[in-house]
Amino acid sequence: MNDTFLKACRGEEVPYTPIWIMRQAGRYLDQYQNVRKKVDFLTLCKTPDLAAEVTIQPVDILNVDAAILFSDILIPCEAMGMNLEFQESSGPVLSPAARDKNSIDGLSVPDPEDKMKFVMDTIRILRKELTGRVPLIGFAGAPFTTATYMIEGGTSKNFLNTKRMIYENPDLYKSLMDKITAAITGYLKAQVSAGAQAVQIFDTWGGIFSPGDFREYALSYVIKIIEELKKWMKTENHEHVPIIYFVGETAGILEEIRTSGADVCGVDWRINIDDAIKRLGGDVVVQGNLDPLSLFLPQDRIEERVKDVLSRASSAPGHIFNLGHGVVPQTPPDNVIALVEMVHRLSKKQ
């Protein structure tokens, strides 16, 4: 098996810098669109054979060094008792919004093998299909990012309802976050038990906070998850499974992120990765951090940027190349294929 990704996560010597891409299974690929025509998005997430098929597509097409489970961070919200829909024009809609005591009291901490069995079934299929190929990454949304969708009822530009709850009714916010944290912890344990060989915690909206608020209202819950996961992994002989923590808009909160306990810290593109490495302490494995929209550049210009990221990341004990966020649907697939080839070629040890 190509275990370059897992070795890099552990800070071990690798023959080249491994690469995978956030949202690598998705709308920019014609092969994904062909599958998507058969079913709506949520049905695709809940159909293990199809979810496994689109998970494997970028491994075949791009030659990436890891597969990431095809799913969505909001799957646990439905399992907790919310109604979940994905609308083509406006994105996810969760109802009723979790904004008062009654709605939050009505949420449960689900048994993942019961309420989200389709995810674990997808992982089990993928481990068989990927045998001898590349590792499989599982994932979940961080508690805060998950909570924003539950409180806002979907996406938001200013997170007004979320921040009002935090500042006006902190006890209510804590009760919601405690439930989400328990749900996400159980969900990630189930993914690892089913066969995920690494897990990533996505805190897409964590960067909307000041450093102090991030530490109190977002990071503290991630630390709980990572501590519990590592304790559980030790007893269940899963200590080899790395945990990646990715926060959107990382530049202002890197000193806080370094205390998360994660094995790998994702870095977005709004900061030079060498500066991020210094602020993370210089002893942290990093993942990132090419601007996703730079994939619209001519390929020779993309190569210049790849060289720059690789050079800047060389001071870290380990580096996994990735975009600073997910690949966008309009991205030319040929440029994504070329990106993977460039990273492999330019980082190859002599």
Protein backbone atom coordinates (compact mmCIF):
# COMPACT_ATOMS: atom_id res chain seq x y z
CA MET A 1 0.00 0.00 0.00
CA ASN A 2 1.08 3.59 -0.63
CA ASP A 3 1.39 4.71 3.00
CA THR A 4 3.24 7.95 2.25
CA PHE A 5 0.35 10.03 3.62
CA LEU A 6 0.27 8.14 6.93
CA LYS A 7 4.06 8.36 7.30
CA ALA A 8 3.95 12.12 6.71
CA CYS A 9 1.21 12.46 9.35
CA ARG A 10 3.59 10.81 11.81
CA GLY A 11 6.52 12.99 10.77
CA GLU A 12 8.42 10.04 9.32
CA GLU A 13 10.76 10.09 6.33
CA VAL A 14 8.87 9.95 3.00
CA PRO A 15 10.08 9.52 -0.61
CA TYR A 16 8.02 12.55 -1.72
CA THR A 17 5.41 14.92 -0.27
CA PRO A 18 2.00 13.21 -0.30
CA ILE A 19 -1.07 15.06 -1.54
CA TRP A 20 -4.81 14.76 -1.21
CA ILE A 21 -7.34 17.51 -1.87
CA MET A 22 -10.27 18.67 0.21
CA ARG A 23 -13.50 17.98 -1.75
CA GLN A 24 -11.48 15.89 -4.18
CA ALA A 25 -14.61 13.80 -4.87
CA GLY A 26 -17.02 16.28 -6.33
CA ARG A 27 -18.66 18.41 -8.92
CA TYR A 28 -15.56 19.38 -10.90
CA LEU A 29 -15.29 15.76 -12.12
CA ASP A 30 -17.50 14.51 -14.97
CA GLN A 31 -17.35 11.03 -13.46
CA TYR A 32 -18.92 12.37 -10.25
CA GLN A 33 -21.60 14.23 -12.20
CA ASN A 34 -22.54 11.01 -13.99
CA VAL A 35 -23.20 9.32 -10.64
CA ARG A 36 -24.91 12.41 -9.21
CA LYS A 37 -27.46 12.42 -12.05
CA LYS A 38 -28.90 9.20 -10.63
CA VAL A 39 -29.69 10.51 -7.12
CA ASP A 40 -29.92 13.67 -5.03
CA PHE A 41 -26.97 14.63 -2.85
CA LEU A 42 -28.30 13.30 0.45
CA THR A 43 -29.28 9.99 -1.14
CA LEU A 44 -25.76 9.74 -2.57
CA CYS A 45 -24.34 10.19 0.94
CA LYS A 46 -26.69 7.49 2.26
CA THR A 47 -26.07 4.89 -0.48
CA PRO A 48 -22.84 3.07 0.46
CA ASP A 49 -22.09 1.60 -2.97
CA LEU A 50 -22.43 5.00 -4.68
CA ALA A 51 -20.65 6.92 -1.92
CA ALA A 52 -17.77 4.44 -2.17
CA GLU A 53 -17.69 4.80 -5.95
CA VAL A 54 -17.30 8.59 -5.86
CA THR A 55 -14.76 8.32 -3.02
CA ILE A 56 -12.53 6.15 -5.22
CA GLN A 57 -12.91 8.24 -8.41
CA PRO A 58 -10.22 10.83 -7.52
CA VAL A 59 -7.81 8.05 -6.50
CA ASP A 60 -8.15 6.61 -10.01
CA ILE A 61 -8.24 9.93 -11.87
CA LEU A 62 -5.87 12.16 -9.89
CA ASN A 63 -3.42 9.64 -8.38
CA VAL A 64 -3.75 11.22 -4.93
CA ASP A 65 -2.09 9.59 -1.92
CA ALA A 66 -5.24 9.24 0.20
CA ALA A 67 -8.97 8.81 -0.28
CA ILE A 68 -11.40 10.79 1.86
CA LEU A 69 -14.80 9.39 2.67
CA PHE A 70 -17.58 10.95 0.57
CA SER A 71 -20.15 12.30 3.01
CA ASP A 72 -21.16 15.62 4.57
CA ILE A 73 -20.42 17.24 7.92
CA LEU A 74 -24.16 17.70 8.57
CA ILE A 75 -25.02 13.99 8.57
CA PRO A 76 -24.81 13.84 12.41
CA CYS A 77 -27.28 16.75 12.71
CA GLU A 78 -30.01 14.64 11.11
CA ALA A 79 -29.05 11.69 13.31
CA MET A 80 -29.46 13.96 16.36
CA GLY A 81 -33.05 14.68 15.35
CA MET A 82 -33.05 17.65 12.95
CA ASN A 83 -34.62 17.73 9.50
CA LEU A 84 -31.91 18.06 6.84
CA GLU A 85 -32.36 19.07 3.21
CA PHE A 86 -29.90 20.16 0.53
CA GLN A 87 -31.30 22.73 -1.88
CA GLU A 88 -29.48 23.31 -5.18
CA SER A 89 -29.80 27.10 -4.94
CA SER A 90 -29.29 27.81 -1.24
CA GLY A 91 -27.39 24.81 0.14
CA PRO A 92 -28.21 22.93 3.35
CA VAL A 93 -31.36 23.68 5.34
CA LEU A 94 -31.73 22.38 8.91
CA SER A 95 -35.04 22.66 10.75
CA PRO A 96 -36.26 23.57 13.22
CA ALA A 97 -33.28 25.79 14.02
CA ALA A 98 -31.73 24.96 17.41
CA ARG A 99 -32.23 28.35 19.06
CA ASP A 100 -34.19 27.64 22.24
CA LYS A 101 -34.25 25.21 25.14
CA ASN A 102 -37.07 23.09 23.73
CA SER A 103 -35.41 22.54 20.37
CA ILE A 104 -32.06 21.70 21.98
CA ASP A 105 -33.62 19.45 24.62
CA GLY A 106 -35.24 17.53 21.75
CA LEU A 107 -31.87 16.62 20.27
CA SER A 108 -30.28 13.29 21.14
CA VAL A 109 -26.78 11.83 21.08
CA PRO A 110 -27.18 9.09 18.47
CA ASP A 111 -25.73 5.60 18.28
CA PRO A 112 -23.67 6.00 15.08
CA GLU A 113 -23.97 2.34 14.07
CA ASP A 114 -27.75 2.73 14.30
CA LYS A 115 -28.51 6.21 12.97
CA MET A 116 -25.50 6.56 10.61
CA LYS A 117 -24.83 2.94 9.71
CA PHE A 118 -24.65 3.86 6.01
CA VAL A 119 -21.47 5.85 6.71
CA MET A 120 -19.81 2.93 8.44
CA ASP A 121 -20.98 0.58 5.66
CA THR A 122 -19.38 2.92 3.11
CA ILE A 123 -16.10 2.83 5.09
CA ARG A 124 -16.19 -0.98 5.23
CA ILE A 125 -16.72 -1.17 1.45
CA LEU A 126 -13.90 1.30 0.86
CA ARG A 127 -11.39 -0.56 2.99
CA LYS A 128 -11.97 -3.63 0.83
CA GLU A 129 -11.86 -1.68 -2.44
CA LEU A 130 -8.75 0.30 -1.43
CA THR A 131 -6.77 -2.68 -0.15
CA GLY A 132 -3.17 -2.34 -1.27
CA ARG A 133 -3.78 1.15 -2.68
CA VAL A 134 -4.06 4.24 -0.45
CA PRO A 135 -5.30 5.01 3.09
CA LEU A 136 -8.85 6.15 3.81
CA ILE A 137 -9.56 9.37 5.71
CA GLY A 138 -12.76 9.69 7.71
CA PHE A 139 -14.05 13.03 8.94
CA ALA A 140 -16.55 15.07 10.90
CA GLY A 141 -17.37 18.71 11.41
CA ALA A 142 -16.00 20.30 14.56
CA PRO A 143 -18.63 21.07 17.21
CA PHE A 144 -18.64 24.82 16.60
CA THR A 145 -18.90 24.61 12.82
CA THR A 146 -21.65 21.99 13.18
CA ALA A 147 -23.45 24.21 15.70
CA THR A 148 -23.49 27.20 13.34
CA TYR A 149 -25.59 25.25 10.83
CA MET A 150 -27.90 23.96 13.56
CA ILE A 151 -28.43 27.40 15.11
CA GLU A 152 -28.63 29.39 11.87
CA GLY A 153 -30.69 26.72 10.11
CA GLY A 154 -28.18 26.68 7.26
CA THR A 155 -25.32 28.80 6.00
CA SER A 156 -24.74 32.34 7.24
CA LYS A 157 -22.69 35.41 6.40
CA ASN A 158 -22.41 36.92 9.88
CA PHE A 159 -23.48 34.08 12.24
CA LEU A 160 -25.75 36.51 14.10
CA ASN A 161 -27.93 33.90 15.78
CA THR A 162 -24.92 31.81 16.80
CA LYS A 163 -22.98 34.66 18.35
CA ARG A 164 -26.08 36.06 20.04
CA MET A 165 -26.63 32.71 21.73
CA ILE A 166 -22.98 32.56 22.80
CA TYR A 167 -23.04 36.06 24.29
CA GLU A 168 -26.66 36.30 25.53
CA ASN A 169 -27.32 32.72 26.61
CA PRO A 170 -24.00 30.94 27.19
CA ASP A 171 -25.60 28.12 29.23
CA LEU A 172 -27.91 27.24 26.35
CA TYR A 173 -24.96 27.31 23.94
CA LYS A 174 -22.97 25.01 26.24
CA SER A 175 -25.83 22.52 26.46
CA LEU A 176 -25.99 22.35 22.66
CA MET A 177 -22.22 22.07 22.30
CA ASP A 178 -22.01 19.31 24.91
CA LYS A 179 -24.51 17.23 22.89
CA ILE A 180 -22.76 17.91 19.59
CA THR A 181 -19.36 17.11 21.11
CA ALA A 182 -20.62 13.76 22.43
CA ALA A 183 -22.23 12.98 19.06
CA ILE A 184 -19.10 13.83 17.05
CA THR A 185 -16.85 11.88 19.42
CA GLY A 186 -18.98 8.76 19.04
CA TYR A 187 -19.22 9.27 15.28
CA LEU A 188 -15.44 9.46 14.84
CA LYS A 189 -14.89 6.43 17.06
CA ALA A 190 -17.34 4.48 14.89
CA GLN A 191 -15.52 5.57 11.71
CA VAL A 192 -12.19 4.39 13.10
CA SER A 193 -13.75 1.11 14.25
CA ALA A 194 -15.18 0.63 10.75
CA GLY A 195 -11.74 1.11 9.20
CA ALA A 196 -10.88 4.80 8.74
CA GLN A 197 -7.08 5.07 8.83
CA ALA A 198 -6.99 8.79 9.65
CA VAL A 199 -9.67 11.33 10.60
CA GLN A 200 -9.99 15.03 9.90
CA ILE A 201 -12.00 17.45 12.03
CA PHE A 202 -13.29 20.33 9.89
CA ASP A 203 -13.73 23.66 11.73
CA THR A 204 -14.56 25.65 8.63
CA TRP A 205 -16.03 28.60 10.52
CA GLY A 206 -13.69 28.58 13.53
CA GLY A 207 -11.80 31.56 12.11
CA ILE A 208 -14.74 33.96 12.61
CA PHE A 209 -13.70 34.41 16.25
CA SER A 210 -11.17 36.53 18.06
CA PRO A 211 -8.39 34.30 19.47
CA GLY A 212 -9.86 34.33 22.98
CA ASP A 213 -13.38 33.52 21.83
CA PHE A 214 -12.08 30.80 19.52
CA ARG A 215 -10.30 29.19 22.43
CA GLU A 216 -13.35 29.33 24.71
CA TYR A 217 -16.25 28.69 22.34
CA ALA A 218 -14.78 26.42 19.65
CA LEU A 219 -11.36 24.97 20.45
CA SER A 220 -12.19 23.79 23.97
CA TYR A 221 -14.71 21.32 22.53
CA VAL A 222 -12.28 20.07 19.87
CA ILE A 223 -9.70 19.46 22.59
CA LYS A 224 -12.28 17.32 24.44
CA ILE A 225 -12.91 15.25 21.31
CA ILE A 226 -9.21 14.73 20.56
CA GLU A 227 -8.41 13.84 24.17
CA GLU A 228 -11.24 11.32 24.31
CA LEU A 229 -10.38 9.88 20.89
CA LYS A 230 -6.72 9.40 21.81
CA LYS A 231 -7.62 7.84 25.15
CA TRP A 232 -10.04 5.47 23.40
CA MET A 233 -7.58 4.70 20.58
CA LYS A 234 -4.98 3.68 23.12
CA THR A 235 -7.31 1.16 24.76
CA GLU A 236 -8.64 -0.13 21.41
CA ASN A 237 -5.22 -0.41 19.71
CA HIS A 238 -5.92 2.38 17.19
CA GLU A 239 -2.99 4.60 18.25
CA HIS A 240 -1.69 4.55 14.68
CA VAL A 241 -4.72 6.58 13.42
CA PRO A 242 -3.70 10.25 13.02
CA ILE A 243 -6.06 13.14 13.77
CA ILE A 244 -6.00 16.20 11.49
CA TYR A 245 -7.53 19.51 12.60
CA PHE A 246 -8.43 22.02 9.89
CA VAL A 247 -9.67 25.51 10.70
CA GLY A 248 -10.76 28.02 8.07
CA GLU A 249 -8.99 31.40 8.27
CA THR A 250 -6.21 30.09 10.48
CA ALA A 251 -3.85 33.08 10.43
CA GLY A 252 -5.15 34.85 13.53
CA ILE A 253 -5.45 31.78 15.78
CA LEU A 254 -2.44 29.56 15.08
CA GLU A 255 -1.10 29.81 18.63
CA GLU A 256 -4.44 28.48 19.87
CA ILE A 257 -4.65 25.74 17.21
CA ARG A 258 -1.27 24.33 18.26
CA THR A 259 -2.81 23.37 21.64
CA SER A 260 -5.54 21.23 20.04
CA GLY A 261 -3.66 17.96 20.48
CA ALA A 262 -4.10 17.07 16.81
CA ASP A 263 -1.34 15.15 15.04
CA VAL A 264 -1.59 17.37 11.95
CA CYS A 265 -2.69 21.02 11.63
CA GLY A 266 -4.33 22.18 8.40
CA VAL A 267 -3.32 25.63 7.18
CA ASP A 268 -5.36 27.77 4.81
CA TRP A 269 -3.85 29.94 2.07
CA ARG A 270 -4.12 33.32 3.80
CA ILE A 271 -0.72 32.91 5.44
CA ASN A 272 2.64 31.68 4.13
CA ILE A 273 3.02 28.14 5.39
CA ASP A 274 6.54 28.78 6.75
CA ASP A 275 5.16 31.59 8.91
CA ALA A 276 2.41 29.23 10.09
CA ILE A 277 4.99 26.56 10.95
CA LYS A 278 6.95 29.03 13.11
CA ARG A 279 3.81 30.12 14.96
CA LEU A 280 2.73 26.52 15.47
CA GLY A 281 6.03 25.96 17.23
CA GLY A 282 8.08 24.39 14.45
CA ASP A 283 7.42 20.84 15.67
CA VAL A 284 3.95 20.29 14.19
CA VAL A 285 3.12 18.33 11.03
CA VAL A 286 1.26 20.65 8.65
CA GLN A 287 -1.20 20.23 5.80
CA GLY A 288 -1.81 22.77 3.04
CA ASN A 289 -1.89 25.35 1.70
CA LEU A 290 -2.38 26.32 -1.97
CA ASP A 291 -5.17 28.80 -2.73
CA PRO A 292 -7.93 26.68 -4.38
CA LEU A 293 -8.58 29.34 -7.02
CA SER A 294 -4.94 29.38 -8.09
CA LEU A 295 -5.86 26.20 -10.02
CA PHE A 296 -7.30 28.53 -12.65
CA LEU A 297 -3.78 29.78 -13.45
CA PRO A 298 -1.84 28.42 -16.44
CA GLN A 299 -0.03 25.24 -15.43
CA ASP A 300 3.42 26.80 -15.48
CA ARG A 301 2.22 29.38 -12.95
CA ILE A 302 0.62 26.67 -10.83
CA GLU A 303 3.99 24.91 -10.79
CA GLU A 304 5.69 28.06 -9.47
CA ARG A 305 3.24 28.15 -6.58
CA VAL A 306 3.66 24.46 -5.85
CA LYS A 307 7.43 24.96 -5.65
CA ASP A 308 6.91 27.87 -3.28
CA VAL A 309 4.64 25.91 -0.91
CA LEU A 310 6.97 22.89 -0.94
CA SER A 311 9.99 25.06 -0.22
CA ARG A 312 8.30 26.96 2.59
CA ALA A 313 6.95 23.77 4.19
CA SER A 314 10.34 22.04 4.23
CA SER A 315 11.05 23.23 7.78
CA ALA A 316 8.13 21.23 9.23
CA PRO A 317 8.71 17.70 10.58
CA GLY A 318 6.08 16.52 8.12
CA HIS A 319 4.03 18.05 5.30
CA ILE A 320 0.93 16.87 3.45
CA PHE A 321 0.22 18.99 0.40
CA ASN A 322 -3.37 20.17 0.08
CA LEU A 323 -5.39 23.18 -0.92
CA GLY A 324 -6.15 25.78 1.72
CA HIS A 325 -9.82 24.82 1.35
CA GLY A 326 -11.93 22.64 -0.94
CA VAL A 327 -11.55 22.50 -4.71
CA VAL A 328 -14.37 24.52 -6.33
CA PRO A 329 -16.76 22.93 -8.86
CA GLN A 330 -15.62 25.08 -11.81
CA THR A 331 -11.97 23.99 -11.51
CA PRO A 332 -10.49 22.44 -14.69
CA PRO A 333 -9.87 18.73 -13.90
CA ASP A 334 -6.70 18.72 -16.01
CA ASN A 335 -5.19 21.31 -13.68
CA VAL A 336 -5.99 19.19 -10.63
CA ILE A 337 -4.40 16.14 -12.27
CA ALA A 338 -1.36 18.28 -13.14
CA LEU A 339 -1.16 19.59 -9.56
CA VAL A 340 -0.82 16.08 -8.13
CA GLU A 341 1.86 15.20 -10.68
CA MET A 342 3.76 18.42 -9.91
CA VAL A 343 3.76 17.79 -6.15
CA HIS A 344 5.03 14.24 -6.63
CA ARG A 345 7.70 15.21 -9.15
CA LEU A 346 8.97 18.36 -7.49
CA SER A 347 9.19 16.85 -3.99
CA LYS A 348 10.69 13.49 -4.95
CA LYS A 349 13.80 12.72 -2.96
CA GLN A 350 16.85 11.94 -5.07
